[in-house]
């Protein structure tokens, strides 16, 4: 897993759809941000893990419930655009 600075990405309306791993990674980022902790203490691990599971479940239900008339975005094309933006930003 990467650090606290990683942004949560849009997961809606992609082809192929968001994976379970992507939903889980977004949930971990959210819980890290909210709790202010990238690595919870042993005392807080259970609460952290429960929150991640609940956020992941809510995220999956949200994605399943959303509708759009926009065509799905191609994941490879969007990834290439993001890499180009990043390269330009740090050039």
PDB file of N, CA and C in Angstrom:
ATOM      1  N   UNK A   1       0.830  -1.197   0.000  1.00  0.00           N
ATOM      2  CA  UNK A   1       0.000   0.000   0.000  1.00  0.00           C
ATOM      3  C   UNK A   1       0.869   1.253   0.000  1.00  0.00           C
ATOM      4  N   UNK A   2       0.448   2.261  -0.741  1.00  0.00           N
ATOM      5  CA  UNK A   2       1.208   3.503  -0.741  1.00  0.00           C
ATOM      6  C   UNK A   2       0.795   4.375   0.432  1.00  0.00           C
ATOM      7  N   UNK A   3       1.449   5.500   0.562  1.00  0.00           N
ATOM      8  CA  UNK A   3       1.290   6.333   1.746  1.00  0.00           C
ATOM      9  C   UNK A   3       0.019   7.145   1.783  1.00  0.00           C
ATOM     10  N   UNK A   4      -0.033   8.002   2.781  1.00  0.00           N
ATOM     11  CA  UNK A   4      -1.214   8.816   3.057  1.00  0.00           C
ATOM     12  C   UNK A   4      -1.536   9.776   1.914  1.00  0.00           C
ATOM     13  N   UNK A   5      -0.541  10.141   1.112  1.00  0.00           N
ATOM     14  CA  UNK A   5      -0.741  11.212   0.138  1.00  0.00           C
ATOM     15  C   UNK A   5      -1.525  10.748  -1.087  1.00  0.00           C
ATOM     16  N   UNK A   6      -1.660   9.443  -1.262  1.00  0.00           N
ATOM     17  CA  UNK A   6      -2.345   8.960  -2.459  1.00  0.00           C
ATOM     18  C   UNK A   6      -3.794   9.420  -2.477  1.00  0.00           C
ATOM     19  N   UNK A   7      -4.209   9.962  -3.608  1.00  0.00           N
ATOM     20  CA  UNK A   7      -5.584  10.444  -3.723  1.00  0.00           C
ATOM     21  C   UNK A   7      -6.538   9.294  -3.998  1.00  0.00           C
ATOM     22  N   UNK A   8      -7.754   9.466  -3.513  1.00  0.00           N
ATOM     23  CA  UNK A   8      -8.813   8.518  -3.841  1.00  0.00           C
ATOM     24  C   UNK A   8      -9.278   8.860  -5.256  1.00  0.00           C
ATOM     25  N   UNK A   9      -9.325   7.853  -6.114  1.00  0.00           N
ATOM     26  CA  UNK A   9      -9.688   8.075  -7.517  1.00  0.00           C
ATOM     27  C   UNK A   9     -11.171   7.796  -7.755  1.00  0.00           C
ATOM     28  N   UNK A  10     -11.691   8.399  -8.823  1.00  0.00           N
ATOM     29  CA  UNK A  10     -13.045   8.077  -9.272  1.00  0.00           C
ATOM     30  C   UNK A  10     -13.081   6.622  -9.703  1.00  0.00           C
ATOM     31  N   UNK A  11     -14.095   5.909  -9.256  1.00  0.00           N
ATOM     32  CA  UNK A  11     -14.241   4.491  -9.621  1.00  0.00           C
ATOM     33  C   UNK A  11     -15.505   4.234 -10.437  1.00  0.00           C
ATOM     34  N   UNK A  12     -16.337   5.258 -10.584  1.00  0.00           N
ATOM     35  CA  UNK A  12     -17.615   5.095 -11.286  1.00  0.00           C
ATOM     36  C   UNK A  12     -17.444   5.167 -12.800  1.00  0.00           C
ATOM     37  N   UNK A  13     -18.209   4.339 -13.503  1.00  0.00           N
ATOM     38  CA  UNK A  13     -18.349   4.392 -14.961  1.00  0.00           C
ATOM     39  C   UNK A  13     -17.054   4.090 -15.702  1.00  0.00           C
ATOM     40  N   UNK A  14     -16.377   3.031 -15.289  1.00  0.00           N
ATOM     41  CA  UNK A  14     -15.208   2.561 -16.015  1.00  0.00           C
ATOM     42  C   UNK A  14     -15.483   1.210 -16.633  1.00  0.00           C
ATOM     43  N   UNK A  15     -14.801   0.939 -17.733  1.00  0.00           N
ATOM     44  CA  UNK A  15     -14.876  -0.357 -18.389  1.00  0.00           C
ATOM     45  C   UNK A  15     -13.456  -0.878 -18.524  1.00  0.00           C
ATOM     46  N   UNK A  16     -13.106  -2.016 -17.950  1.00  0.00           N
ATOM     47  CA  UNK A  16     -13.939  -2.824 -17.054  1.00  0.00           C
ATOM     48  C   UNK A  16     -14.200  -2.121 -15.720  1.00  0.00           C
ATOM     49  N   UNK A  17     -15.245  -2.536 -14.995  1.00  0.00           N
ATOM     50  CA  UNK A  17     -15.628  -1.860 -13.753  1.00  0.00           C
ATOM     51  C   UNK A  17     -14.546  -1.956 -12.671  1.00  0.00           C
ATOM     52  N   UNK A  18     -14.697  -1.116 -11.670  1.00  0.00           N
ATOM     53  CA  UNK A  18     -13.772  -1.110 -10.535  1.00  0.00           C
ATOM     54  C   UNK A  18     -13.696  -2.506  -9.921  1.00  0.00           C
ATOM     55  N   UNK A  19     -12.493  -2.900  -9.562  1.00  0.00           N
ATOM     56  CA  UNK A  19     -12.285  -4.210  -8.944  1.00  0.00           C
ATOM     57  C   UNK A  19     -12.499  -4.125  -7.437  1.00  0.00           C
ATOM     58  N   UNK A  20     -12.643  -5.270  -6.806  1.00  0.00           N
ATOM     59  CA  UNK A  20     -12.749  -5.341  -5.350  1.00  0.00           C
ATOM     60  C   UNK A  20     -11.510  -4.724  -4.708  1.00  0.00           C
ATOM     61  N   UNK A  21     -10.337  -4.988  -5.288  1.00  0.00           N
ATOM     62  CA  UNK A  21      -9.088  -4.425  -4.756  1.00  0.00           C
ATOM     63  C   UNK A  21      -9.085  -2.904  -4.820  1.00  0.00           C
ATOM     64  N   UNK A  22      -9.590  -2.337  -5.918  1.00  0.00           N
ATOM     65  CA  UNK A  22      -9.637  -0.873  -6.047  1.00  0.00           C
ATOM     66  C   UNK A  22     -10.601  -0.261  -5.036  1.00  0.00           C
ATOM     67  N   UNK A  23     -11.745  -0.896  -4.839  1.00  0.00           N
ATOM     68  CA  UNK A  23     -12.714  -0.412  -3.859  1.00  0.00           C
ATOM     69  C   UNK A  23     -12.097  -0.489  -2.454  1.00  0.00           C
ATOM     70  N   UNK A  24     -11.425  -1.589  -2.149  1.00  0.00           N
ATOM     71  CA  UNK A  24     -10.782  -1.754  -0.840  1.00  0.00           C
ATOM     72  C   UNK A  24      -9.685  -0.700  -0.646  1.00  0.00           C
ATOM     73  N   UNK A  25      -8.861  -0.469  -1.678  1.00  0.00           N
ATOM     74  CA  UNK A  25      -7.783   0.516  -1.582  1.00  0.00           C
ATOM     75  C   UNK A  25      -8.345   1.911  -1.317  1.00  0.00           C
ATOM     76  N   UNK A  26      -9.446   2.258  -1.982  1.00  0.00           N
ATOM     77  CA  UNK A  26     -10.076   3.564  -1.757  1.00  0.00           C
ATOM     78  C   UNK A  26     -10.600   3.659  -0.326  1.00  0.00           C
ATOM     79  N   UNK A  27     -11.184   2.572   0.170  1.00  0.00           N
ATOM     80  CA  UNK A  27     -11.701   2.556   1.548  1.00  0.00           C
ATOM     81  C   UNK A  27     -10.566   2.736   2.548  1.00  0.00           C
ATOM     82  N   UNK A  28      -9.438   2.063   2.313  1.00  0.00           N
ATOM     83  CA  UNK A  28      -8.276   2.209   3.199  1.00  0.00           C
ATOM     84  C   UNK A  28      -7.795   3.656   3.194  1.00  0.00           C
ATOM     85  N   UNK A  29      -7.705   4.268   2.004  1.00  0.00           N
ATOM     86  CA  UNK A  29      -7.257   5.664   1.919  1.00  0.00           C
ATOM     87  C   UNK A  29      -8.196   6.587   2.692  1.00  0.00           C
ATOM     88  N   UNK A  30      -9.497   6.359   2.545  1.00  0.00           N
ATOM     89  CA  UNK A  30     -10.494   7.171   3.240  1.00  0.00           C
ATOM     90  C   UNK A  30     -10.336   7.043   4.757  1.00  0.00           C
ATOM     91  N   UNK A  31     -10.243   5.804   5.249  1.00  0.00           N
ATOM     92  CA  UNK A  31     -10.141   5.582   6.695  1.00  0.00           C
ATOM     93  C   UNK A  31      -8.823   6.137   7.230  1.00  0.00           C
ATOM     94  N   UNK A  32      -7.738   5.995   6.466  1.00  0.00           N
ATOM     95  CA  UNK A  32      -6.454   6.586   6.868  1.00  0.00           C
ATOM     96  C   UNK A  32      -6.582   8.095   7.016  1.00  0.00           C
ATOM     97  N   UNK A  33      -7.206   8.718   6.017  1.00  0.00           N
ATOM     98  CA  UNK A  33      -7.345  10.177   6.025  1.00  0.00           C
ATOM     99  C   UNK A  33      -8.191  10.629   7.209  1.00  0.00           C
ATOM    100  N   UNK A  34      -9.327   9.984   7.416  1.00  0.00           N
ATOM    101  CA  UNK A  34     -10.251  10.369   8.481  1.00  0.00           C
ATOM    102  C   UNK A  34      -9.632  10.153   9.859  1.00  0.00           C
ATOM    103  N   UNK A  35      -8.912   9.020  10.015  1.00  0.00           N
ATOM    104  CA  UNK A  35      -8.340   8.698  11.321  1.00  0.00           C
ATOM    105  C   UNK A  35      -7.021   9.420  11.568  1.00  0.00           C
ATOM    106  N   UNK A  36      -6.410   9.935  10.486  1.00  0.00           N
ATOM    107  CA  UNK A  36      -5.121  10.594  10.625  1.00  0.00           C
ATOM    108  C   UNK A  36      -3.985   9.612  10.864  1.00  0.00           C
ATOM    109  N   UNK A  37      -4.212   8.353  10.520  1.00  0.00           N
ATOM    110  CA  UNK A  37      -3.215   7.331  10.803  1.00  0.00           C
ATOM    111  C   UNK A  37      -3.079   6.366   9.633  1.00  0.00           C
ATOM    112  N   UNK A  38      -1.857   6.247   9.110  1.00  0.00           N
ATOM    113  CA  UNK A  38      -1.616   5.285   8.032  1.00  0.00           C
ATOM    114  C   UNK A  38      -1.520   3.876   8.586  1.00  0.00           C
ATOM    115  N   UNK A  39      -0.975   3.751   9.803  1.00  0.00           N
ATOM    116  CA  UNK A  39      -0.836   2.445  10.446  1.00  0.00           C
ATOM    117  C   UNK A  39      -1.418   2.533  11.852  1.00  0.00           C
ATOM    118  N   UNK A  40      -2.624   2.026  12.039  1.00  0.00           N
ATOM    119  CA  UNK A  40      -3.237   2.115  13.368  1.00  0.00           C
ATOM    120  C   UNK A  40      -2.462   1.302  14.404  1.00  0.00           C
ATOM    121  N   UNK A  41      -2.536   1.724  15.636  1.00  0.00           N
ATOM    122  CA  UNK A  41      -1.928   0.951  16.727  1.00  0.00           C
ATOM    123  C   UNK A  41      -2.666  -0.375  16.861  1.00  0.00           C
ATOM    124  N   UNK A  42      -2.049  -1.311  17.567  1.00  0.00           N
ATOM    125  CA  UNK A  42      -2.691  -2.612  17.788  1.00  0.00           C
ATOM    126  C   UNK A  42      -4.053  -2.426  18.457  1.00  0.00           C
ATOM    127  N   UNK A  43      -4.125  -1.463  19.381  1.00  0.00           N
ATOM    128  CA  UNK A  43      -5.378  -1.204  20.098  1.00  0.00           C
ATOM    129  C   UNK A  43      -6.482  -0.731  19.154  1.00  0.00           C
ATOM    130  N   UNK A  44      -6.095  -0.046  18.064  1.00  0.00           N
ATOM    131  CA  UNK A  44      -7.083   0.522  17.135  1.00  0.00           C
ATOM    132  C   UNK A  44      -7.270  -0.299  15.866  1.00  0.00           C
ATOM    133  N   UNK A  45      -6.517  -1.373  15.702  1.00  0.00           N
ATOM    134  CA  UNK A  45      -6.554  -2.143  14.451  1.00  0.00           C
ATOM    135  C   UNK A  45      -7.951  -2.685  14.142  1.00  0.00           C
ATOM    136  N   UNK A  46      -8.637  -3.228  15.129  1.00  0.00           N
ATOM    137  CA  UNK A  46      -9.960  -3.813  14.883  1.00  0.00           C
ATOM    138  C   UNK A  46     -10.949  -2.747  14.418  1.00  0.00           C
ATOM    139  N   UNK A  47     -10.927  -1.577  15.061  1.00  0.00           N
ATOM    140  CA  UNK A  47     -11.832  -0.493  14.658  1.00  0.00           C
ATOM    141  C   UNK A  47     -11.499  -0.017  13.243  1.00  0.00           C
ATOM    142  N   UNK A  48     -10.219   0.067  12.940  1.00  0.00           N
ATOM    143  CA  UNK A  48      -9.752   0.482  11.617  1.00  0.00           C
ATOM    144  C   UNK A  48     -10.247  -0.506  10.558  1.00  0.00           C
ATOM    145  N   UNK A  49     -10.028  -1.814  10.811  1.00  0.00           N
ATOM    146  CA  UNK A  49     -10.425  -2.850   9.855  1.00  0.00           C
ATOM    147  C   UNK A  49     -11.936  -2.883   9.646  1.00  0.00           C
ATOM    148  N   UNK A  50     -12.698  -2.698  10.726  1.00  0.00           N
ATOM    149  CA  UNK A  50     -14.153  -2.671  10.623  1.00  0.00           C
ATOM    150  C   UNK A  50     -14.603  -1.493   9.765  1.00  0.00           C
ATOM    151  N   UNK A  51     -13.987  -0.326  10.005  1.00  0.00           N
ATOM    152  CA  UNK A  51     -14.340   0.863   9.218  1.00  0.00           C
ATOM    153  C   UNK A  51     -14.020   0.656   7.745  1.00  0.00           C
ATOM    154  N   UNK A  52     -12.860   0.078   7.442  1.00  0.00           N
ATOM    155  CA  UNK A  52     -12.491  -0.180   6.040  1.00  0.00           C
ATOM    156  C   UNK A  52     -13.530  -1.086   5.377  1.00  0.00           C
ATOM    157  N   UNK A  53     -13.929  -2.147   6.074  1.00  0.00           N
ATOM    158  CA  UNK A  53     -14.913  -3.078   5.511  1.00  0.00           C
ATOM    159  C   UNK A  53     -16.252  -2.379   5.268  1.00  0.00           C
ATOM    160  N   UNK A  54     -16.670  -1.540   6.208  1.00  0.00           N
ATOM    161  CA  UNK A  54     -17.948  -0.840   6.069  1.00  0.00           C
ATOM    162  C   UNK A  54     -17.898   0.191   4.936  1.00  0.00           C
ATOM    163  N   UNK A  55     -16.792   0.933   4.844  1.00  0.00           N
ATOM    164  CA  UNK A  55     -16.649   1.921   3.767  1.00  0.00           C
ATOM    165  C   UNK A  55     -16.594   1.220   2.408  1.00  0.00           C
ATOM    166  N   UNK A  56     -15.878   0.100   2.340  1.00  0.00           N
ATOM    167  CA  UNK A  56     -15.809  -0.652   1.079  1.00  0.00           C
ATOM    168  C   UNK A  56     -17.199  -1.135   0.665  1.00  0.00           C
ATOM    169  N   UNK A  57     -17.975  -1.629   1.625  1.00  0.00           N
ATOM    170  CA  UNK A  57     -19.334  -2.079   1.322  1.00  0.00           C
ATOM    171  C   UNK A  57     -20.220  -0.941   0.839  1.00  0.00           C
ATOM    172  N   UNK A  58     -20.127   0.198   1.517  1.00  0.00           N
ATOM    173  CA  UNK A  58     -20.911   1.374   1.110  1.00  0.00           C
ATOM    174  C   UNK A  58     -20.486   1.846  -0.275  1.00  0.00           C
ATOM    175  N   UNK A  59     -19.186   1.791  -0.557  1.00  0.00           N
ATOM    176  CA  UNK A  59     -18.672   2.209  -1.864  1.00  0.00           C
ATOM    177  C   UNK A  59     -19.198   1.305  -2.964  1.00  0.00           C
ATOM    178  N   UNK A  60     -19.157  -0.001  -2.725  1.00  0.00           N
ATOM    179  CA  UNK A  60     -19.646  -0.961  -3.719  1.00  0.00           C
ATOM    180  C   UNK A  60     -21.140  -0.740  -3.979  1.00  0.00           C
ATOM    181  N   UNK A  61     -21.927  -0.539  -2.905  1.00  0.00           N
ATOM    182  CA  UNK A  61     -23.372  -0.293  -3.082  1.00  0.00           C
ATOM    183  C   UNK A  61     -23.613   1.004  -3.852  1.00  0.00           C
ATOM    184  N   UNK A  62     -22.826   2.030  -3.566  1.00  0.00           N
ATOM    185  CA  UNK A  62     -22.952   3.296  -4.294  1.00  0.00           C
ATOM    186  C   UNK A  62     -22.677   3.072  -5.779  1.00  0.00           C
ATOM    187  N   UNK A  63     -21.564   2.421  -6.098  1.00  0.00           N
ATOM    188  CA  UNK A  63     -21.204   2.194  -7.500  1.00  0.00           C
ATOM    189  C   UNK A  63     -22.271   1.382  -8.221  1.00  0.00           C
ATOM    190  N   UNK A  64     -22.848   0.394  -7.531  1.00  0.00           N
ATOM    191  CA  UNK A  64     -23.893  -0.434  -8.140  1.00  0.00           C
ATOM    192  C   UNK A  64     -25.189   0.346  -8.346  1.00  0.00           C
ATOM    193  N   UNK A  65     -25.423   1.371  -7.519  1.00  0.00           N
ATOM    194  CA  UNK A  65     -26.660   2.133  -7.604  1.00  0.00           C
ATOM    195  C   UNK A  65     -26.627   3.316  -8.550  1.00  0.00           C
ATOM    196  N   UNK A  66     -25.428   3.741  -8.934  1.00  0.00           N
ATOM    197  CA  UNK A  66     -25.312   4.913  -9.806  1.00  0.00           C
ATOM    198  C   UNK A  66     -25.664   4.558 -11.245  1.00  0.00           C
ATOM    199  N   UNK A  67     -26.311   5.493 -11.924  1.00  0.00           N
ATOM    200  CA  UNK A  67     -26.580   5.326 -13.347  1.00  0.00           C
ATOM    201  C   UNK A  67     -26.062   6.561 -14.074  1.00  0.00           C
ATOM    202  N   UNK A  68     -25.740   6.381 -15.344  1.00  0.00           N
ATOM    203  CA  UNK A  68     -25.295   7.504 -16.164  1.00  0.00           C
ATOM    204  C   UNK A  68     -25.574   7.195 -17.620  1.00  0.00           C
ATOM    205  N   UNK A  69     -25.788   8.250 -18.396  1.00  0.00           N
ATOM    206  CA  UNK A  69     -25.955   8.061 -19.838  1.00  0.00           C
ATOM    207  C   UNK A  69     -24.617   8.236 -20.550  1.00  0.00           C
ATOM    208  N   UNK A  70     -23.589   8.659 -19.809  1.00  0.00           N
ATOM    209  CA  UNK A  70     -22.273   8.832 -20.417  1.00  0.00           C
ATOM    210  C   UNK A  70     -21.671   7.468 -20.746  1.00  0.00           C
ATOM    211  N   UNK A  71     -20.938   7.393 -21.857  1.00  0.00           N
ATOM    212  CA  UNK A  71     -20.286   6.120 -22.163  1.00  0.00           C
ATOM    213  C   UNK A  71     -19.203   5.825 -21.126  1.00  0.00           C
ATOM    214  N   UNK A  72     -18.967   4.541 -20.816  1.00  0.00           N
ATOM    215  CA  UNK A  72     -17.919   4.218 -19.841  1.00  0.00           C
ATOM    216  C   UNK A  72     -16.553   4.686 -20.324  1.00  0.00           C
ATOM    217  N   UNK A  73     -15.728   5.115 -19.366  1.00  0.00           N
ATOM    218  CA  UNK A  73     -14.373   5.529 -19.694  1.00  0.00           C
ATOM    219  C   UNK A  73     -13.497   4.285 -19.768  1.00  0.00           C
ATOM    220  N   UNK A  74     -12.611   4.284 -20.750  1.00  0.00           N
ATOM    221  CA  UNK A  74     -11.677   3.175 -20.911  1.00  0.00           C
ATOM    222  C   UNK A  74     -10.545   3.340 -19.904  1.00  0.00           C
ATOM    223  N   UNK A  75     -10.325   2.320 -19.099  1.00  0.00           N
ATOM    224  CA  UNK A  75      -9.344   2.419 -18.013  1.00  0.00           C
ATOM    225  C   UNK A  75      -7.938   2.692 -18.523  1.00  0.00           C
ATOM    226  N   UNK A  76      -7.542   2.051 -19.627  1.00  0.00           N
ATOM    227  CA  UNK A  76      -6.181   2.251 -20.149  1.00  0.00           C
ATOM    228  C   UNK A  76      -5.992   3.680 -20.660  1.00  0.00           C
ATOM    229  N   UNK A  77      -7.009   4.206 -21.339  1.00  0.00           N
ATOM    230  CA  UNK A  77      -6.937   5.575 -21.862  1.00  0.00           C
ATOM    231  C   UNK A  77      -6.838   6.565 -20.701  1.00  0.00           C
ATOM    232  N   UNK A  78      -7.669   6.379 -19.666  1.00  0.00           N
ATOM    233  CA  UNK A  78      -7.650   7.288 -18.513  1.00  0.00           C
ATOM    234  C   UNK A  78      -6.319   7.200 -17.768  1.00  0.00           C
ATOM    235  N   UNK A  79      -5.759   5.998 -17.648  1.00  0.00           N
ATOM    236  CA  UNK A  79      -4.467   5.822 -16.975  1.00  0.00           C
ATOM    237  C   UNK A  79      -3.372   6.538 -17.760  1.00  0.00           C
ATOM    238  N   UNK A  80      -3.419   6.442 -19.092  1.00  0.00           N
ATOM    239  CA  UNK A  80      -2.425   7.118 -19.927  1.00  0.00           C
ATOM    240  C   UNK A  80      -2.541   8.633 -19.783  1.00  0.00           C
ATOM    241  N   UNK A  81      -3.784   9.150 -19.739  1.00  0.00           N
ATOM    242  CA  UNK A  81      -3.991  10.594 -19.540  1.00  0.00           C
ATOM    243  C   UNK A  81      -3.420  11.035 -18.196  1.00  0.00           C
ATOM    244  N   UNK A  82      -3.665  10.244 -17.148  1.00  0.00           N
ATOM    245  CA  UNK A  82      -3.160  10.584 -15.813  1.00  0.00           C
ATOM    246  C   UNK A  82      -1.636  10.592 -15.798  1.00  0.00           C
ATOM    247  N   UNK A  83      -1.018   9.621 -16.476  1.00  0.00           N
ATOM    248  CA  UNK A  83       0.454   9.584 -16.547  1.00  0.00           C
ATOM    249  C   UNK A  83       0.983  10.811 -17.274  1.00  0.00           C
ATOM    250  N   UNK A  84       0.297  11.228 -18.343  1.00  0.00           N
ATOM    251  CA  UNK A  84       0.730  12.400 -19.103  1.00  0.00           C
ATOM    252  C   UNK A  84       0.617  13.659 -18.248  1.00  0.00           C
ATOM    253  N   UNK A  85      -0.490  13.794 -17.491  1.00  0.00           N
ATOM    254  CA  UNK A  85      -0.657  14.958 -16.608  1.00  0.00           C
ATOM    255  C   UNK A  85       0.438  14.982 -15.554  1.00  0.00           C
ATOM    256  N   UNK A  86       0.745  13.820 -14.998  1.00  0.00           N
ATOM    257  CA  UNK A  86       1.768  13.718 -13.973  1.00  0.00           C
ATOM    258  C   UNK A  86       3.133  14.092 -14.530  1.00  0.00           C
ATOM    259  N   UNK A  87       3.441  13.582 -15.714  1.00  0.00           N
ATOM    260  CA  UNK A  87       4.737  13.877 -16.353  1.00  0.00           C
ATOM    261  C   UNK A  87       4.865  15.372 -16.622  1.00  0.00           C
ATOM    262  N   UNK A  88       3.781  15.997 -17.087  1.00  0.00           N
ATOM    263  CA  UNK A  88       3.802  17.429 -17.375  1.00  0.00           C
ATOM    264  C   UNK A  88       3.982  18.230 -16.091  1.00  0.00           C
ATOM    265  N   UNK A  89       3.319  17.784 -15.018  1.00  0.00           N
ATOM    266  CA  UNK A  89       3.377  18.484 -13.742  1.00  0.00           C
ATOM    267  C   UNK A  89       4.788  18.475 -13.168  1.00  0.00           C
ATOM    268  N   UNK A  90       5.501  17.349 -13.333  1.00  0.00           N
ATOM    269  CA  UNK A  90       6.813  17.197 -12.704  1.00  0.00           C
ATOM    270  C   UNK A  90       7.961  17.397 -13.686  1.00  0.00           C
ATOM    271  N   UNK A  91       7.642  17.850 -14.890  1.00  0.00           N
ATOM    272  CA  UNK A  91       8.695  18.045 -15.902  1.00  0.00           C
ATOM    273  C   UNK A  91       9.563  19.250 -15.554  1.00  0.00           C
TER     274      UNK A  91
END
